[in-house]
N, C-alpha and C. Protein backbone atom coordinates (compact mmCIF):
# COMPACT_ATOMS: atom_id res chain seq x y z
N MET A 1 86.33 92.44 135.57
CA MET A 1 87.06 91.79 134.52
C MET A 1 88.46 91.44 135.04
N LYS A 2 88.87 90.24 134.76
CA LYS A 2 90.16 89.75 135.24
C LYS A 2 91.30 90.33 134.39
N PRO A 3 92.49 90.41 134.97
CA PRO A 3 93.62 91.01 134.22
C PRO A 3 93.95 90.30 132.91
N PHE A 4 93.85 88.97 132.88
CA PHE A 4 94.16 88.27 131.64
C PHE A 4 93.11 88.54 130.57
N GLU A 5 91.86 88.81 130.99
CA GLU A 5 90.82 89.16 130.02
C GLU A 5 91.09 90.53 129.42
N LYS A 6 91.52 91.47 130.26
CA LYS A 6 91.85 92.80 129.76
C LYS A 6 93.01 92.73 128.78
N ALA A 7 94.00 91.91 129.10
CA ALA A 7 95.16 91.77 128.22
C ALA A 7 94.75 91.16 126.88
N ALA A 8 93.86 90.18 126.91
CA ALA A 8 93.41 89.54 125.67
C ALA A 8 92.61 90.50 124.81
N ILE A 9 91.74 91.28 125.43
CA ILE A 9 90.94 92.25 124.68
C ILE A 9 91.83 93.34 124.10
N LEU A 10 92.79 93.81 124.87
CA LEU A 10 93.71 94.83 124.38
C LEU A 10 94.54 94.28 123.21
N PHE A 11 94.96 93.04 123.32
CA PHE A 11 95.71 92.38 122.24
C PHE A 11 94.89 92.36 120.95
N LEU A 12 93.62 91.96 121.06
CA LEU A 12 92.76 91.91 119.88
C LEU A 12 92.46 93.30 119.33
N LEU A 13 92.26 94.27 120.20
CA LEU A 13 91.98 95.63 119.75
C LEU A 13 93.17 96.25 119.02
N LYS A 14 94.38 95.94 119.46
CA LYS A 14 95.56 96.43 118.75
C LYS A 14 95.62 95.86 117.34
N HIS A 15 95.34 94.58 117.21
CA HIS A 15 95.35 93.97 115.89
C HIS A 15 94.19 94.48 115.03
N LEU A 16 93.04 94.68 115.65
CA LEU A 16 91.91 95.23 114.92
C LEU A 16 92.25 96.62 114.40
N ALA A 17 92.89 97.44 115.22
CA ALA A 17 93.25 98.80 114.81
C ALA A 17 94.21 98.78 113.62
N SER A 18 95.15 97.85 113.62
CA SER A 18 96.07 97.78 112.48
C SER A 18 95.34 97.35 111.21
N GLY A 19 94.38 96.45 111.34
CA GLY A 19 93.59 96.04 110.18
C GLY A 19 92.71 97.17 109.67
N VAL A 20 92.12 97.93 110.58
CA VAL A 20 91.28 99.07 110.18
C VAL A 20 92.14 100.12 109.48
N ALA A 21 93.33 100.38 109.99
CA ALA A 21 94.22 101.35 109.36
C ALA A 21 94.58 100.92 107.95
N GLY A 22 94.89 99.65 107.78
CA GLY A 22 95.21 99.14 106.45
C GLY A 22 94.04 99.26 105.49
N ALA A 23 92.85 98.98 105.97
CA ALA A 23 91.66 99.06 105.13
C ALA A 23 91.37 100.49 104.71
N VAL A 24 91.51 101.41 105.64
CA VAL A 24 91.26 102.82 105.33
C VAL A 24 92.28 103.33 104.30
N VAL A 25 93.53 102.93 104.47
CA VAL A 25 94.56 103.34 103.52
C VAL A 25 94.26 102.78 102.13
N LEU A 26 93.89 101.51 102.05
CA LEU A 26 93.59 100.89 100.77
C LEU A 26 92.38 101.55 100.11
N ALA A 27 91.29 101.71 100.85
CA ALA A 27 90.08 102.29 100.27
C ALA A 27 90.32 103.73 99.81
N THR A 28 91.03 104.49 100.62
CA THR A 28 91.33 105.87 100.25
C THR A 28 92.23 105.90 99.01
N GLY A 29 93.20 105.01 98.95
CA GLY A 29 94.06 104.93 97.78
C GLY A 29 93.29 104.56 96.52
N LEU A 30 92.36 103.63 96.65
CA LEU A 30 91.54 103.25 95.50
C LEU A 30 90.72 104.43 94.98
N LEU A 31 90.19 105.22 95.90
CA LEU A 31 89.36 106.35 95.49
C LEU A 31 90.19 107.53 94.98
N VAL A 32 91.30 107.82 95.63
CA VAL A 32 92.14 108.94 95.22
C VAL A 32 92.77 108.68 93.85
N LEU A 33 93.26 107.46 93.65
CA LEU A 33 93.89 107.11 92.38
C LEU A 33 92.87 106.75 91.30
N ASP A 34 91.62 106.68 91.67
CA ASP A 34 90.51 106.37 90.75
C ASP A 34 90.78 105.07 90.00
N VAL A 35 91.13 104.05 90.75
CA VAL A 35 91.41 102.73 90.16
C VAL A 35 90.12 102.19 89.55
N ALA A 36 90.22 101.76 88.29
CA ALA A 36 89.09 101.21 87.54
C ALA A 36 87.91 102.18 87.51
N ASN A 37 88.19 103.47 87.53
CA ASN A 37 87.16 104.53 87.50
C ASN A 37 86.16 104.41 88.65
N LEU A 38 86.62 103.88 89.77
CA LEU A 38 85.74 103.67 90.92
C LEU A 38 85.22 104.98 91.48
N ALA A 39 86.10 105.95 91.67
CA ALA A 39 85.68 107.24 92.22
C ALA A 39 84.77 107.97 91.24
N THR A 40 85.04 107.84 89.96
CA THR A 40 84.19 108.47 88.95
C THR A 40 82.79 107.88 88.98
N LEU A 41 82.73 106.56 89.08
CA LEU A 41 81.42 105.90 89.15
C LEU A 41 80.65 106.33 90.39
N MET A 42 81.35 106.39 91.54
CA MET A 42 80.68 106.80 92.78
C MET A 42 80.25 108.26 92.70
N GLY A 43 81.08 109.09 92.09
CA GLY A 43 80.75 110.50 91.98
C GLY A 43 79.55 110.78 91.09
N ASN A 44 79.36 109.97 90.07
CA ASN A 44 78.26 110.16 89.13
C ASN A 44 76.99 109.43 89.53
N SER A 45 77.07 108.61 90.57
CA SER A 45 75.92 107.83 91.00
C SER A 45 75.08 108.59 92.02
N ASP A 46 73.80 108.30 92.04
CA ASP A 46 72.92 108.88 93.06
C ASP A 46 73.20 108.26 94.43
N HIS A 47 73.79 107.10 94.44
CA HIS A 47 74.05 106.38 95.68
C HIS A 47 75.54 106.25 95.95
N GLY A 48 76.30 107.27 95.58
CA GLY A 48 77.75 107.24 95.74
C GLY A 48 78.20 107.16 97.18
N ILE A 49 77.50 107.86 98.07
CA ILE A 49 77.85 107.84 99.50
C ILE A 49 77.64 106.43 100.07
N ILE A 50 76.55 105.81 99.70
CA ILE A 50 76.28 104.45 100.18
C ILE A 50 77.35 103.49 99.66
N ALA A 51 77.75 103.66 98.40
CA ALA A 51 78.79 102.81 97.83
C ALA A 51 80.11 103.01 98.57
N ALA A 52 80.45 104.24 98.90
CA ALA A 52 81.70 104.51 99.63
C ALA A 52 81.64 103.90 101.02
N ILE A 53 80.51 104.04 101.68
CA ILE A 53 80.35 103.46 103.02
C ILE A 53 80.48 101.94 102.94
N MET A 54 79.87 101.33 101.94
CA MET A 54 79.97 99.88 101.79
C MET A 54 81.39 99.44 101.48
N LEU A 55 82.12 100.23 100.67
CA LEU A 55 83.51 99.91 100.37
C LEU A 55 84.35 99.93 101.63
N TYR A 56 84.25 101.02 102.38
CA TYR A 56 85.03 101.14 103.62
C TYR A 56 84.63 100.07 104.63
N ALA A 57 83.34 99.85 104.81
CA ALA A 57 82.87 98.89 105.81
C ALA A 57 83.32 97.47 105.47
N SER A 58 83.22 97.09 104.21
CA SER A 58 83.60 95.73 103.84
C SER A 58 85.11 95.52 103.98
N LEU A 59 85.90 96.52 103.60
CA LEU A 59 87.35 96.39 103.76
C LEU A 59 87.76 96.39 105.22
N ILE A 60 87.11 97.22 106.03
CA ILE A 60 87.41 97.25 107.46
C ILE A 60 87.07 95.90 108.11
N LEU A 61 85.93 95.35 107.76
CA LEU A 61 85.53 94.05 108.31
C LEU A 61 86.52 92.96 107.90
N THR A 62 86.89 92.95 106.63
CA THR A 62 87.81 91.92 106.14
C THR A 62 89.21 92.07 106.73
N PHE A 63 89.78 93.26 106.63
CA PHE A 63 91.15 93.47 107.10
C PHE A 63 91.23 93.35 108.62
N GLY A 64 90.23 93.84 109.34
CA GLY A 64 90.23 93.71 110.80
C GLY A 64 90.17 92.26 111.23
N SER A 65 89.33 91.48 110.58
CA SER A 65 89.22 90.06 110.91
C SER A 65 90.51 89.31 110.60
N VAL A 66 91.10 89.60 109.47
CA VAL A 66 92.36 88.94 109.10
C VAL A 66 93.46 89.30 110.08
N ALA A 67 93.55 90.57 110.45
CA ALA A 67 94.60 91.00 111.39
C ALA A 67 94.42 90.34 112.75
N MET A 68 93.19 90.25 113.23
CA MET A 68 92.96 89.58 114.51
C MET A 68 93.26 88.08 114.40
N GLY A 69 92.90 87.47 113.29
CA GLY A 69 93.19 86.05 113.08
C GLY A 69 94.69 85.79 113.05
N ILE A 70 95.43 86.65 112.38
CA ILE A 70 96.88 86.49 112.34
C ILE A 70 97.45 86.64 113.75
N GLY A 71 96.94 87.61 114.49
CA GLY A 71 97.41 87.80 115.87
C GLY A 71 97.16 86.57 116.72
N ILE A 72 95.99 85.99 116.60
CA ILE A 72 95.65 84.80 117.39
C ILE A 72 96.51 83.61 116.97
N MET A 73 96.70 83.45 115.67
CA MET A 73 97.47 82.30 115.20
C MET A 73 98.94 82.39 115.53
N THR A 74 99.46 83.57 115.75
CA THR A 74 100.87 83.73 116.09
C THR A 74 101.11 83.86 117.59
N LEU A 75 100.09 83.68 118.40
CA LEU A 75 100.26 83.80 119.85
C LEU A 75 101.26 82.82 120.41
N ASN A 76 101.17 81.58 120.02
CA ASN A 76 102.03 80.54 120.58
C ASN A 76 103.16 80.19 119.63
N GLU A 77 103.68 81.18 118.95
CA GLU A 77 104.75 80.94 117.99
C GLU A 77 106.02 80.58 118.73
N ASP A 78 106.66 79.53 118.28
CA ASP A 78 107.90 79.07 118.91
C ASP A 78 109.06 79.94 118.43
N THR A 79 109.81 80.49 119.36
CA THR A 79 110.90 81.41 119.00
C THR A 79 112.27 80.76 119.05
N ARG A 80 112.33 79.44 119.15
CA ARG A 80 113.62 78.74 119.18
C ARG A 80 114.26 78.78 117.77
N PRO A 81 115.59 78.84 117.73
CA PRO A 81 116.27 78.88 116.41
C PRO A 81 116.18 77.58 115.65
């Protein structure tokens, strides 16, 4: 693997990690604060674990993709005043 490829992958992984962190914080906050009785519904359901996994996975996918997209779109940002 060439050095510029490693740099590009590392760049994307850093942005992905920030998106994943944001998603985990949001999903955990939704469940801890029981927004719209979400945690109550999951707790009383037979498929609560699957619902929690789907919540986390969908938020991680969305936030990770958005964070990587923002990183890519700001790569060639002009810094002139």
